[in-house]
Amino acid sequence: MDMEKVLVTGGCGYIGSVVAKRLAERGTEIAVFDNLERGHRCNLDPRFRLYEGDLRDAAAIADAMRAFKPSAVLHFAAYALVGESMADPLMYFENNVKGGVNLLSAMQSAGCDRLVFSSTCATYGVPPSLPIEEDTPQNPSNPYGRSKLMFEQMCTWLQEAKGFRPTFLRYFNAAGAALGMVEDHDPETHIIPNVLKVALGQAESVKIFGGDYPTPDGTCIRDYVHLEDLSSAHLLALEKEALGAYNLGTGKGVSVKEIVEACRRITGRPIPAEMLPRRPGDPPALYASGRKARETMGWNPVRSDIDTIVRDAWEAHKARPRGYEGK
C-alpha cells in the first residue's frame, strides 16, 4: 500500500520508536502521537512531528488525525502490564478501550481506514494446546489481555460495517534492543532487563515469580521475539496489505530459568536468583507457531534466538546503564 504518511501512536515507546524509524528509512513521512507518560521524548526522531496528547482525550487525537491526514495508523499506545491490570482493571479499560474508541472515531472522521495494531498473546489466556495458532480460542485471564481483545473486536465490527482494514499483530514477549533503544519502564516487569540490572550491580538478585508451574523446570515459558523482528513484521503488514490476525512468535518457548542462565553465560557475571510466589494472571506457557505470518507476509524472525536477544540487550544496557535517566 501507499505508506506515504503514517501516524504512530505510542511512537516514543520501546517498540513504537524503532518501528517508526525503520519506516522512515523507507521514505515514509512519520508523525507520532504520544502522551510521554511511559514513552521517552529522547526516542523521538527529530524528523518526526510530535502531537503530544492522550488517547483518552478524544479532541486531541481527532485534531492530530485531522492535521496530519495519515494513510495508515500504527497503534502502540496502551498500558501493557499484567500485574498492574489485575490491581487496577478500570485504568486498563479506560486507557486501552476508551482510548481505542477515540482513536477509531478520529480515524473514521479523517477518512483513514488502515490500522496495524500492536496486540498481544495475552488475548488467548491459558491456551488448550501449544503452539498457539491464530484460531486458538481467545479467553484472556487478565484485564490487560481482555482490553486488547476488546479493541480487536471493535476493529473487526468496523471492518464488517465500514470496510475498515485492520491488522492485529499478537506479540509474544518483545525483547532485545535496536537503534540504541533499551527497555526502561517504571516499574520494570520484563524479565531480561531485570536480570541485566543484577549483572550491572543495580539489584542484588533477580526475582522469579513462580517455580511450581507445570513446565519442565517449574518456571513460566514464553516466546521471546527480538525488537528488530517485531519491527519487520509491522513493515511487512503495511507493504503486503496483510489483514486479520498474526501471531508473532518463534514456535518455541524459553523458561525464566533459561533466560537467567543465558544472561549469566553472555554477561559472564554471577546473577543470584530469588524464587517468589506466582503473580496472579500469568499462564504457565505461551508460545506460537508463527506459521501464518511466515506464509502470508514472508516474516522471518532472524534475530530471535535467545542468545542474540540477550547479547543485544546487554550491549544496549551497558551503554545506557541507567536507561533514559537524565537524557
C-alpha atoms as a PDB file:
ATOM      1  CA  MET A   1       0.000   0.000   0.000  1.00  0.00           C
ATOM      2  CA  ASP A   2       0.970   3.670  -0.206  1.00  0.00           C
ATOM      3  CA  MET A   3       2.875   4.283   3.036  1.00  0.00           C
ATOM      4  CA  GLU A   4       3.461   7.954   2.345  1.00  0.00           C
ATOM      5  CA  LYS A   5       2.195   9.164   5.728  1.00  0.00           C
ATOM      6  CA  VAL A   6       1.847   7.064   8.886  1.00  0.00           C
ATOM      7  CA  LEU A   7       0.757   8.165  12.345  1.00  0.00           C
ATOM      8  CA  VAL A   8       2.367   6.148  15.147  1.00  0.00           C
ATOM      9  CA  THR A   9       0.553   6.207  18.477  1.00  0.00           C
ATOM     10  CA  GLY A  10       2.970   5.480  21.314  1.00  0.00           C
ATOM     11  CA  GLY A  11       5.832   6.302  18.956  1.00  0.00           C
ATOM     12  CA  CYS A  12       8.149   7.355  21.793  1.00  0.00           C
ATOM     13  CA  GLY A  13       7.979   3.927  23.412  1.00  0.00           C
ATOM     14  CA  TYR A  14      10.252   0.898  23.271  1.00  0.00           C
ATOM     15  CA  ILE A  15       8.711  -0.735  20.198  1.00  0.00           C
ATOM     16  CA  GLY A  16       6.905   2.149  18.518  1.00  0.00           C
ATOM     17  CA  SER A  17      10.024   4.307  18.279  1.00  0.00           C
ATOM     18  CA  VAL A  18      12.009   1.606  16.451  1.00  0.00           C
ATOM     19  CA  VAL A  19       9.190   0.780  14.038  1.00  0.00           C
ATOM     20  CA  ALA A  20       8.732   4.489  13.260  1.00  0.00           C
ATOM     21  CA  LYS A  21      12.418   4.907  12.431  1.00  0.00           C
ATOM     22  CA  ARG A  22      12.514   1.777  10.286  1.00  0.00           C
ATOM     23  CA  LEU A  23       9.524   3.092   8.315  1.00  0.00           C
ATOM     24  CA  ALA A  24      11.167   6.482   7.888  1.00  0.00           C
ATOM     25  CA  GLU A  25      14.224   4.762   6.410  1.00  0.00           C
ATOM     26  CA  ARG A  26      11.932   3.650   3.576  1.00  0.00           C
ATOM     27  CA  GLY A  27      10.799   7.195   2.844  1.00  0.00           C
ATOM     28  CA  THR A  28       7.598   7.265   4.879  1.00  0.00           C
ATOM     29  CA  GLU A  29       6.588  10.549   6.491  1.00  0.00           C
ATOM     30  CA  ILE A  30       6.031   9.883  10.192  1.00  0.00           C
ATOM     31  CA  ALA A  31       4.080  11.692  12.887  1.00  0.00           C
ATOM     32  CA  VAL A  32       3.984  10.484  16.478  1.00  0.00           C
ATOM     33  CA  PHE A  33       1.077  10.780  18.907  1.00  0.00           C
ATOM     34  CA  ASP A  34       2.250  10.171  22.480  1.00  0.00           C
ATOM     35  CA  ASN A  35       1.426  11.497  25.945  1.00  0.00           C
ATOM     36  CA  LEU A  36       5.006  10.708  27.116  1.00  0.00           C
ATOM     37  CA  GLU A  37       3.638   9.045  30.250  1.00  0.00           C
ATOM     38  CA  ARG A  38       5.546   5.831  29.550  1.00  0.00           C
ATOM     39  CA  GLY A  39       7.484   6.766  26.434  1.00  0.00           C
ATOM     40  CA  HIS A  40      10.604   8.910  26.294  1.00  0.00           C
ATOM     41  CA  ARG A  41      10.930  12.184  24.429  1.00  0.00           C
ATOM     42  CA  CYS A  42      14.560  11.368  23.576  1.00  0.00           C
ATOM     43  CA  ASN A  43      13.286   8.421  21.492  1.00  0.00           C
ATOM     44  CA  LEU A  44      11.612  10.860  19.099  1.00  0.00           C
ATOM     45  CA  ASP A  45      13.489  11.211  15.841  1.00  0.00           C
ATOM     46  CA  PRO A  46      13.963  14.932  15.074  1.00  0.00           C
ATOM     47  CA  ARG A  47      12.488  14.335  11.623  1.00  0.00           C
ATOM     48  CA  PHE A  48       9.132  13.372  13.127  1.00  0.00           C
ATOM     49  CA  ARG A  49       6.292  15.652  14.055  1.00  0.00           C
ATOM     50  CA  LEU A  50       5.104  15.083  17.646  1.00  0.00           C
ATOM     51  CA  TYR A  51       1.489  15.511  18.630  1.00  0.00           C
ATOM     52  CA  GLU A  52       1.715  15.408  22.399  1.00  0.00           C
ATOM     53  CA  GLY A  53      -1.625  14.155  23.615  1.00  0.00           C
ATOM     54  CA  ASP A  54      -3.567  11.368  25.291  1.00  0.00           C
ATOM     55  CA  LEU A  55      -5.891   8.944  23.518  1.00  0.00           C
ATOM     56  CA  ARG A  56      -8.341   9.343  26.382  1.00  0.00           C
ATOM     57  CA  ASP A  57      -8.751  12.929  25.137  1.00  0.00           C
ATOM     58  CA  ALA A  58     -10.984  12.498  22.098  1.00  0.00           C
ATOM     59  CA  ALA A  59     -10.365  16.032  20.865  1.00  0.00           C
ATOM     60  CA  ALA A  60      -6.575  15.631  20.994  1.00  0.00           C
ATOM     61  CA  ILE A  61      -6.416  12.569  18.760  1.00  0.00           C
ATOM     62  CA  ALA A  62      -9.112  13.939  16.447  1.00  0.00           C
ATOM     63  CA  ASP A  63      -7.121  17.151  15.987  1.00  0.00           C
ATOM     64  CA  ALA A  64      -3.923  15.193  15.258  1.00  0.00           C
ATOM     65  CA  MET A  65      -5.629  12.962  12.685  1.00  0.00           C
ATOM     66  CA  ARG A  66      -7.245  15.943  11.009  1.00  0.00           C
ATOM     67  CA  ALA A  67      -3.977  17.908  10.880  1.00  0.00           C
ATOM     68  CA  PHE A  68      -1.678  15.103   9.666  1.00  0.00           C
ATOM     69  CA  LYS A  69      -4.104  13.162   7.435  1.00  0.00           C
ATOM     70  CA  PRO A  70      -2.241   9.815   7.529  1.00  0.00           C
ATOM     71  CA  SER A  71      -2.812   6.983   5.096  1.00  0.00           C
ATOM     72  CA  ALA A  72      -2.368   4.467   7.945  1.00  0.00           C
ATOM     73  CA  VAL A  73      -2.029   4.288  11.729  1.00  0.00           C
ATOM     74  CA  LEU A  74       0.303   2.059  13.741  1.00  0.00           C
ATOM     75  CA  HIS A  75      -1.206   1.760  17.214  1.00  0.00           C
ATOM     76  CA  PHE A  76       1.206   1.063  20.099  1.00  0.00           C
ATOM     77  CA  ALA A  77      -0.247   3.358  22.783  1.00  0.00           C
ATOM     78  CA  ALA A  78      -1.569   1.097  25.531  1.00  0.00           C
ATOM     79  CA  TYR A  79      -0.884   0.022  29.078  1.00  0.00           C
ATOM     80  CA  ALA A  80       0.731  -3.404  28.974  1.00  0.00           C
ATOM     81  CA  LEU A  81       1.456  -4.801  32.446  1.00  0.00           C
ATOM     82  CA  VAL A  82      -0.417  -7.919  33.533  1.00  0.00           C
ATOM     83  CA  GLY A  83       0.034  -7.384  37.276  1.00  0.00           C
ATOM     84  CA  GLU A  84      -0.960  -3.731  37.084  1.00  0.00           C
ATOM     85  CA  SER A  85      -4.092  -4.650  35.149  1.00  0.00           C
ATOM     86  CA  MET A  86      -5.080  -7.146  37.839  1.00  0.00           C
ATOM     87  CA  ALA A  87      -4.673  -4.461  40.502  1.00  0.00           C
ATOM     88  CA  ASP A  88      -6.482  -1.700  38.592  1.00  0.00           C
ATOM     89  CA  PRO A  89      -8.723  -3.102  35.839  1.00  0.00           C
ATOM     90  CA  LEU A  90     -10.631   0.119  35.213  1.00  0.00           C
ATOM     91  CA  MET A  91      -7.446   2.006  34.415  1.00  0.00           C
ATOM     92  CA  TYR A  92      -6.765  -0.529  31.653  1.00  0.00           C
ATOM     93  CA  PHE A  93     -10.246  -0.378  30.195  1.00  0.00           C
ATOM     94  CA  GLU A  94     -10.232   3.412  30.242  1.00  0.00           C
ATOM     95  CA  ASN A  95      -6.863   3.697  28.511  1.00  0.00           C
ATOM     96  CA  ASN A  96      -6.855   0.697  26.178  1.00  0.00           C
ATOM     97  CA  VAL A  97     -10.571   0.527  25.321  1.00  0.00           C
ATOM     98  CA  LYS A  98     -11.909   4.062  25.742  1.00  0.00           C
ATOM     99  CA  GLY A  99      -8.707   5.429  24.196  1.00  0.00           C
ATOM    100  CA  GLY A 100      -9.150   2.905  21.399  1.00  0.00           C
ATOM    101  CA  VAL A 101     -12.697   4.088  20.716  1.00  0.00           C
ATOM    102  CA  ASN A 102     -11.426   7.658  20.463  1.00  0.00           C
ATOM    103  CA  LEU A 103      -8.697   6.587  18.025  1.00  0.00           C
ATOM    104  CA  LEU A 104     -11.110   4.694  15.774  1.00  0.00           C
ATOM    105  CA  SER A 105     -13.589   7.583  15.804  1.00  0.00           C
ATOM    106  CA  ALA A 106     -10.823  10.019  14.868  1.00  0.00           C
ATOM    107  CA  MET A 107      -9.675   7.724  12.050  1.00  0.00           C
ATOM    108  CA  GLN A 108     -13.206   7.486  10.666  1.00  0.00           C
ATOM    109  CA  SER A 109     -13.644  11.246  10.785  1.00  0.00           C
ATOM    110  CA  ALA A 110     -10.333  11.755   8.972  1.00  0.00           C
ATOM    111  CA  GLY A 111     -11.098   9.130   6.329  1.00  0.00           C
ATOM    112  CA  CYS A 112      -8.277   6.774   7.387  1.00  0.00           C
ATOM    113  CA  ASP A 113      -9.253   3.103   7.302  1.00  0.00           C
ATOM    114  CA  ARG A 114      -5.895   1.280   7.631  1.00  0.00           C
ATOM    115  CA  LEU A 115      -4.631   0.216  11.060  1.00  0.00           C
ATOM    116  CA  VAL A 116      -1.852  -2.068  12.287  1.00  0.00           C
ATOM    117  CA  PHE A 117      -2.456  -2.841  15.953  1.00  0.00           C
ATOM    118  CA  SER A 118       0.145  -3.874  18.497  1.00  0.00           C
ATOM    119  CA  SER A 119      -1.877  -6.653  20.116  1.00  0.00           C
ATOM    120  CA  THR A 120      -0.760  -9.453  22.426  1.00  0.00           C
ATOM    121  CA  CYS A 121      -0.677 -13.166  23.083  1.00  0.00           C
ATOM    122  CA  ALA A 122      -2.489 -12.310  26.330  1.00  0.00           C
ATOM    123  CA  THR A 123      -5.754 -12.343  24.359  1.00  0.00           C
ATOM    124  CA  TYR A 124      -5.533 -16.157  24.341  1.00  0.00           C
ATOM    125  CA  GLY A 125      -5.313 -16.638  28.109  1.00  0.00           C
ATOM    126  CA  VAL A 126      -4.318 -20.195  29.005  1.00  0.00           C
ATOM    127  CA  PRO A 127      -4.386 -21.985  25.630  1.00  0.00           C
ATOM    128  CA  PRO A 128      -5.783 -25.527  25.339  1.00  0.00           C
ATOM    129  CA  SER A 129      -2.753 -26.588  23.272  1.00  0.00           C
ATOM    130  CA  LEU A 130       0.635 -25.351  22.109  1.00  0.00           C
ATOM    131  CA  PRO A 131       1.964 -23.859  19.911  1.00  0.00           C
ATOM    132  CA  ILE A 132      -0.767 -21.239  19.668  1.00  0.00           C
ATOM    133  CA  GLU A 133      -2.396 -20.703  16.268  1.00  0.00           C
ATOM    134  CA  GLU A 134      -4.471 -17.674  15.277  1.00  0.00           C
ATOM    135  CA  ASP A 135      -7.705 -19.679  15.548  1.00  0.00           C
ATOM    136  CA  THR A 136      -6.947 -20.748  19.140  1.00  0.00           C
ATOM    137  CA  PRO A 137      -9.902 -19.616  21.316  1.00  0.00           C
ATOM    138  CA  GLN A 138      -9.317 -16.191  22.865  1.00  0.00           C
ATOM    139  CA  ASN A 139     -10.085 -16.313  26.574  1.00  0.00           C
ATOM    140  CA  PRO A 140      -7.950 -13.725  28.389  1.00  0.00           C
ATOM    141  CA  SER A 141      -7.003 -14.410  32.001  1.00  0.00           C
ATOM    142  CA  ASN A 142      -6.295 -10.778  32.926  1.00  0.00           C
ATOM    143  CA  PRO A 143      -7.765  -7.311  32.214  1.00  0.00           C
ATOM    144  CA  TYR A 144      -4.777  -6.382  30.044  1.00  0.00           C
ATOM    145  CA  GLY A 145      -5.475  -9.226  27.609  1.00  0.00           C
ATOM    146  CA  ARG A 146      -9.216  -8.554  27.758  1.00  0.00           C
ATOM    147  CA  SER A 147      -8.737  -4.869  26.918  1.00  0.00           C
ATOM    148  CA  LYS A 148      -6.624  -5.739  23.879  1.00  0.00           C
ATOM    149  CA  LEU A 149      -9.172  -8.309  22.721  1.00  0.00           C
ATOM    150  CA  MET A 150     -11.983  -5.776  23.094  1.00  0.00           C
ATOM    151  CA  PHE A 151     -10.114  -3.401  20.797  1.00  0.00           C
ATOM    152  CA  GLU A 152      -9.573  -6.180  18.245  1.00  0.00           C
ATOM    153  CA  GLN A 153     -13.305  -6.918  18.352  1.00  0.00           C
ATOM    154  CA  MET A 154     -14.198  -3.267  17.820  1.00  0.00           C
ATOM    155  CA  CYS A 155     -11.953  -3.172  14.766  1.00  0.00           C
ATOM    156  CA  THR A 156     -13.492  -6.374  13.404  1.00  0.00           C
ATOM    157  CA  TRP A 157     -17.003  -4.941  13.671  1.00  0.00           C
ATOM    158  CA  LEU A 158     -15.814  -1.781  11.903  1.00  0.00           C
ATOM    159  CA  GLN A 159     -14.348  -3.969   9.176  1.00  0.00           C
ATOM    160  CA  GLU A 160     -17.730  -5.679   8.798  1.00  0.00           C
ATOM    161  CA  ALA A 161     -19.766  -2.473   8.823  1.00  0.00           C
ATOM    162  CA  LYS A 162     -17.489   0.128   7.236  1.00  0.00           C
ATOM    163  CA  GLY A 163     -14.785  -1.655   5.245  1.00  0.00           C
ATOM    164  CA  PHE A 164     -12.145  -0.856   7.858  1.00  0.00           C
ATOM    165  CA  ARG A 165      -8.785  -2.601   7.226  1.00  0.00           C
ATOM    166  CA  PRO A 166      -7.155  -3.781  10.479  1.00  0.00           C
ATOM    167  CA  THR A 167      -4.145  -5.987  11.135  1.00  0.00           C
ATOM    168  CA  PHE A 168      -3.654  -7.477  14.594  1.00  0.00           C
ATOM    169  CA  LEU A 169      -0.062  -8.405  15.410  1.00  0.00           C
ATOM    170  CA  ARG A 170      -0.212 -10.548  18.526  1.00  0.00           C
ATOM    171  CA  TYR A 171       3.157 -10.250  20.223  1.00  0.00           C
ATOM    172  CA  PHE A 172       4.919 -12.951  22.154  1.00  0.00           C
ATOM    173  CA  ASN A 173       7.266 -11.088  24.527  1.00  0.00           C
ATOM    174  CA  ALA A 174       9.141  -8.277  22.831  1.00  0.00           C
ATOM    175  CA  ALA A 175      12.806  -8.361  23.818  1.00  0.00           C
ATOM    176  CA  GLY A 176      16.311  -7.317  22.845  1.00  0.00           C
ATOM    177  CA  ALA A 177      17.456  -3.883  21.681  1.00  0.00           C
ATOM    178  CA  ALA A 178      17.792  -1.926  18.454  1.00  0.00           C
ATOM    179  CA  LEU A 179      18.890   1.552  17.375  1.00  0.00           C
ATOM    180  CA  GLY A 180      20.126   2.303  20.884  1.00  0.00           C
ATOM    181  CA  MET A 181      16.691   1.742  22.428  1.00  0.00           C
ATOM    182  CA  VAL A 182      16.596  -0.045  25.768  1.00  0.00           C
ATOM    183  CA  GLU A 183      13.732  -1.314  27.861  1.00  0.00           C
ATOM    184  CA  ASP A 184      13.208   1.324  30.515  1.00  0.00           C
ATOM    185  CA  HIS A 185       9.828   1.028  32.193  1.00  0.00           C
ATOM    186  CA  ASP A 186       8.706   2.254  35.586  1.00  0.00           C
ATOM    187  CA  PRO A 187       8.140  -0.182  37.115  1.00  0.00           C
ATOM    188  CA  GLU A 188      10.206  -2.622  35.054  1.00  0.00           C
ATOM    189  CA  THR A 189       8.468  -6.006  34.998  1.00  0.00           C
ATOM    190  CA  HIS A 190      10.117  -7.663  31.994  1.00  0.00           C
ATOM    191  CA  ILE A 191      12.499 -10.440  32.848  1.00  0.00           C
ATOM    192  CA  ILE A 192      15.529  -9.680  30.637  1.00  0.00           C
ATOM    193  CA  PRO A 193      16.133  -6.044  31.706  1.00  0.00           C
ATOM    194  CA  ASN A 194      15.592  -7.064  35.328  1.00  0.00           C
ATOM    195  CA  VAL A 195      18.156  -9.849  35.071  1.00  0.00           C
ATOM    196  CA  LEU A 196      20.622  -7.480  33.412  1.00  0.00           C
ATOM    197  CA  LYS A 197      20.150  -4.965  36.228  1.00  0.00           C
ATOM    198  CA  VAL A 198      21.595  -7.619  38.545  1.00  0.00           C
ATOM    199  CA  ALA A 199      24.513  -8.135  36.158  1.00  0.00           C
ATOM    200  CA  LEU A 200      25.110  -4.355  36.242  1.00  0.00           C
ATOM    201  CA  GLY A 201      25.118  -4.338  40.044  1.00  0.00           C
ATOM    202  CA  GLN A 202      21.864  -2.356  40.257  1.00  0.00           C
ATOM    203  CA  ALA A 203      19.965  -5.094  42.085  1.00  0.00           C
ATOM    204  CA  GLU A 204      21.042  -7.869  44.434  1.00  0.00           C
ATOM    205  CA  SER A 205      19.075 -10.658  42.792  1.00  0.00           C
ATOM    206  CA  VAL A 206      16.556 -11.395  40.073  1.00  0.00           C
ATOM    207  CA  LYS A 207      13.062 -12.246  41.270  1.00  0.00           C
ATOM    208  CA  ILE A 208      11.464 -15.306  39.693  1.00  0.00           C
ATOM    209  CA  PHE A 209       7.699 -15.348  40.142  1.00  0.00           C
ATOM    210  CA  GLY A 210       6.644 -18.959  40.482  1.00  0.00           C
ATOM    211  CA  GLY A 211       8.720 -22.121  40.470  1.00  0.00           C
ATOM    212  CA  ASP A 212       5.852 -24.608  40.611  1.00  0.00           C
ATOM    213  CA  TYR A 213       4.263 -24.249  37.185  1.00  0.00           C
ATOM    214  CA  PRO A 214       3.550 -27.426  35.161  1.00  0.00           C
ATOM    215  CA  THR A 215       6.622 -26.830  32.954  1.00  0.00           C
ATOM    216  CA  PRO A 216       9.904 -28.788  32.701  1.00  0.00           C
ATOM    217  CA  ASP A 217      11.784 -26.580  35.188  1.00  0.00           C
ATOM    218  CA  GLY A 218       8.768 -25.168  37.068  1.00  0.00           C
ATOM    219  CA  THR A 219       9.080 -21.612  35.718  1.00  0.00           C
ATOM    220  CA  CYS A 220       6.941 -19.807  33.138  1.00  0.00           C
ATOM    221  CA  ILE A 221       7.706 -20.366  29.469  1.00  0.00           C
ATOM    222  CA  ARG A 222       7.374 -17.534  26.972  1.00  0.00           C
ATOM    223  CA  ASP A 223       8.143 -16.926  23.309  1.00  0.00           C
ATOM    224  CA  TYR A 224      10.713 -14.097  23.090  1.00  0.00           C
ATOM    225  CA  VAL A 225      10.866 -12.088  19.853  1.00  0.00           C
ATOM    226  CA  HIS A 226      13.609  -9.607  19.023  1.00  0.00           C
ATOM    227  CA  LEU A 227      12.666  -5.952  18.651  1.00  0.00           C
ATOM    228  CA  GLU A 228      14.080  -5.907  15.114  1.00  0.00           C
ATOM    229  CA  ASP A 229      11.949  -8.893  14.116  1.00  0.00           C
ATOM    230  CA  LEU A 230       8.828  -7.246  15.536  1.00  0.00           C
ATOM    231  CA  SER A 231       9.683  -4.114  13.597  1.00  0.00           C
ATOM    232  CA  SER A 232       9.994  -6.022  10.329  1.00  0.00           C
ATOM    233  CA  ALA A 233       6.533  -7.559  10.853  1.00  0.00           C
ATOM    234  CA  HIS A 234       4.918  -4.114  11.003  1.00  0.00           C
ATOM    235  CA  LEU A 235       6.582  -3.026   7.794  1.00  0.00           C
ATOM    236  CA  LEU A 236       5.538  -6.231   6.051  1.00  0.00           C
ATOM    237  CA  ALA A 237       1.947  -5.917   7.294  1.00  0.00           C
ATOM    238  CA  LEU A 238       1.697  -2.495   5.672  1.00  0.00           C
ATOM    239  CA  GLU A 239       3.521  -3.432   2.471  1.00  0.00           C
ATOM    240  CA  LYS A 240       1.567  -6.608   1.818  1.00  0.00           C
ATOM    241  CA  GLU A 241      -1.857  -5.406   2.971  1.00  0.00           C
ATOM    242  CA  ALA A 242      -1.911  -8.345   5.377  1.00  0.00           C
ATOM    243  CA  LEU A 243      -5.259  -8.020   7.135  1.00  0.00           C
ATOM    244  CA  GLY A 244      -6.503 -10.017  10.107  1.00  0.00           C
ATOM    245  CA  ALA A 245      -4.579 -11.593  12.975  1.00  0.00           C
ATOM    246  CA  TYR A 246      -0.973 -12.803  13.004  1.00  0.00           C
ATOM    247  CA  ASN A 247       0.941 -14.366  15.854  1.00  0.00           C
ATOM    248  CA  LEU A 248       4.497 -13.058  16.079  1.00  0.00           C
ATOM    249  CA  GLY A 249       6.256 -15.976  17.705  1.00  0.00           C
ATOM    250  CA  THR A 250       9.172 -18.297  17.080  1.00  0.00           C
ATOM    251  CA  GLY A 251       7.371 -21.582  17.628  1.00  0.00           C
ATOM    252  CA  LYS A 252       9.265 -22.444  20.789  1.00  0.00           C
ATOM    253  CA  GLY A 253       9.380 -21.188  24.334  1.00  0.00           C
ATOM    254  CA  VAL A 254      12.138 -20.270  26.739  1.00  0.00           C
ATOM    255  CA  SER A 255      11.700 -20.582  30.503  1.00  0.00           C
ATOM    256  CA  VAL A 256      12.541 -17.927  33.067  1.00  0.00           C
ATOM    257  CA  LYS A 257      15.359 -20.103  34.404  1.00  0.00           C
ATOM    258  CA  GLU A 258      16.745 -20.486  30.882  1.00  0.00           C
ATOM    259  CA  ILE A 259      16.697 -16.695  30.483  1.00  0.00           C
ATOM    260  CA  VAL A 260      18.681 -16.286  33.698  1.00  0.00           C
ATOM    261  CA  GLU A 261      21.217 -18.890  32.544  1.00  0.00           C
ATOM    262  CA  ALA A 262      21.600 -17.164  29.161  1.00  0.00           C
ATOM    263  CA  CYS A 263      22.246 -13.851  30.907  1.00  0.00           C
ATOM    264  CA  ARG A 264      24.855 -15.451  33.168  1.00  0.00           C
ATOM    265  CA  ARG A 265      26.565 -17.032  30.175  1.00  0.00           C
ATOM    266  CA  ILE A 266      26.626 -13.907  27.993  1.00  0.00           C
ATOM    267  CA  THR A 267      27.484 -11.329  30.666  1.00  0.00           C
ATOM    268  CA  GLY A 268      29.967 -13.609  32.424  1.00  0.00           C
ATOM    269  CA  ARG A 269      28.656 -12.335  35.759  1.00  0.00           C
ATOM    270  CA  PRO A 270      27.070 -14.130  38.693  1.00  0.00           C
ATOM    271  CA  ILE A 271      23.342 -13.422  38.844  1.00  0.00           C
ATOM    272  CA  PRO A 272      21.689 -14.591  42.077  1.00  0.00           C
ATOM    273  CA  ALA A 273      18.020 -15.562  41.753  1.00  0.00           C
ATOM    274  CA  GLU A 274      15.227 -15.421  44.328  1.00  0.00           C
ATOM    275  CA  MET A 275      12.121 -17.578  43.977  1.00  0.00           C
ATOM    276  CA  LEU A 276       8.825 -15.845  44.857  1.00  0.00           C
ATOM    277  CA  PRO A 277       5.138 -16.851  44.635  1.00  0.00           C
ATOM    278  CA  ARG A 278       3.335 -16.746  41.307  1.00  0.00           C
ATOM    279  CA  ARG A 279       1.893 -13.480  40.010  1.00  0.00           C
ATOM    280  CA  PRO A 280      -1.882 -13.502  39.513  1.00  0.00           C
ATOM    281  CA  GLY A 281      -2.962 -13.955  35.893  1.00  0.00           C
ATOM    282  CA  ASP A 282       0.256 -15.458  34.493  1.00  0.00           C
ATOM    283  CA  PRO A 283      -0.361 -18.528  32.266  1.00  0.00           C
ATOM    284  CA  PRO A 284       2.263 -21.313  32.623  1.00  0.00           C
ATOM    285  CA  ALA A 285       3.314 -21.321  28.946  1.00  0.00           C
ATOM    286  CA  LEU A 286       2.689 -19.226  25.856  1.00  0.00           C
ATOM    287  CA  TYR A 287       4.378 -19.725  22.511  1.00  0.00           C
ATOM    288  CA  ALA A 288       3.187 -19.514  18.926  1.00  0.00           C
ATOM    289  CA  SER A 289       3.850 -21.236  15.637  1.00  0.00           C
ATOM    290  CA  GLY A 290       4.261 -18.013  13.631  1.00  0.00           C
ATOM    291  CA  ARG A 291       3.351 -20.091  10.558  1.00  0.00           C
ATOM    292  CA  LYS A 292       0.693 -17.728   9.186  1.00  0.00           C
ATOM    293  CA  ALA A 293       2.987 -14.679   9.387  1.00  0.00           C
ATOM    294  CA  ARG A 294       5.723 -16.581   7.564  1.00  0.00           C
ATOM    295  CA  GLU A 295       3.460 -17.924   4.833  1.00  0.00           C
ATOM    296  CA  THR A 296       1.369 -14.783   4.275  1.00  0.00           C
ATOM    297  CA  MET A 297       3.833 -11.947   4.873  1.00  0.00           C
ATOM    298  CA  GLY A 298       7.170 -13.696   4.435  1.00  0.00           C
ATOM    299  CA  TRP A 299       8.087 -12.761   8.000  1.00  0.00           C
ATOM    300  CA  ASN A 300      11.190 -14.477   9.343  1.00  0.00           C
ATOM    301  CA  PRO A 301      12.326 -13.820  12.955  1.00  0.00           C
ATOM    302  CA  VAL A 302      16.047 -13.985  12.183  1.00  0.00           C
ATOM    303  CA  ARG A 303      17.317 -12.384  15.424  1.00  0.00           C
ATOM    304  CA  SER A 304      15.031 -14.077  17.933  1.00  0.00           C
ATOM    305  CA  ASP A 305      17.272 -16.820  19.289  1.00  0.00           C
ATOM    306  CA  ILE A 306      17.722 -16.152  22.990  1.00  0.00           C
ATOM    307  CA  ASP A 307      21.497 -15.585  22.846  1.00  0.00           C
ATOM    308  CA  THR A 308      21.148 -12.844  20.209  1.00  0.00           C
ATOM    309  CA  ILE A 309      18.325 -11.208  22.166  1.00  0.00           C
ATOM    310  CA  VAL A 310      20.309 -11.196  25.406  1.00  0.00           C
ATOM    311  CA  ARG A 311      23.547 -10.110  23.713  1.00  0.00           C
ATOM    312  CA  ASP A 312      21.882  -7.124  22.015  1.00  0.00           C
ATOM    313  CA  ALA A 313      20.071  -6.160  25.206  1.00  0.00           C
ATOM    314  CA  TRP A 314      23.290  -6.438  27.224  1.00  0.00           C
ATOM    315  CA  GLU A 315      25.212  -4.152  24.877  1.00  0.00           C
ATOM    316  CA  ALA A 316      22.411  -1.571  24.989  1.00  0.00           C
ATOM    317  CA  HIS A 317      22.103  -1.697  28.780  1.00  0.00           C
ATOM    318  CA  LYS A 318      25.859  -1.329  29.210  1.00  0.00           C
ATOM    319  CA  ALA A 319      25.720   1.787  27.006  1.00  0.00           C
ATOM    320  CA  ARG A 320      22.754   3.156  28.961  1.00  0.00           C
ATOM    321  CA  PRO A 321      23.038   1.564  32.411  1.00  0.00           C
ATOM    322  CA  ARG A 322      20.502   3.992  33.896  1.00  0.00           C
ATOM    323  CA  GLY A 323      18.139   3.790  30.970  1.00  0.00           C
ATOM    324  CA  TYR A 324      16.933   7.179  29.839  1.00  0.00           C
ATOM    325  CA  GLU A 325      17.553   8.799  33.223  1.00  0.00           C
ATOM    326  CA  GLY A 326      18.886  12.288  32.725  1.00  0.00           C
ATOM    327  CA  LYS A 327      18.753  12.017  28.923  1.00  0.00           C
END
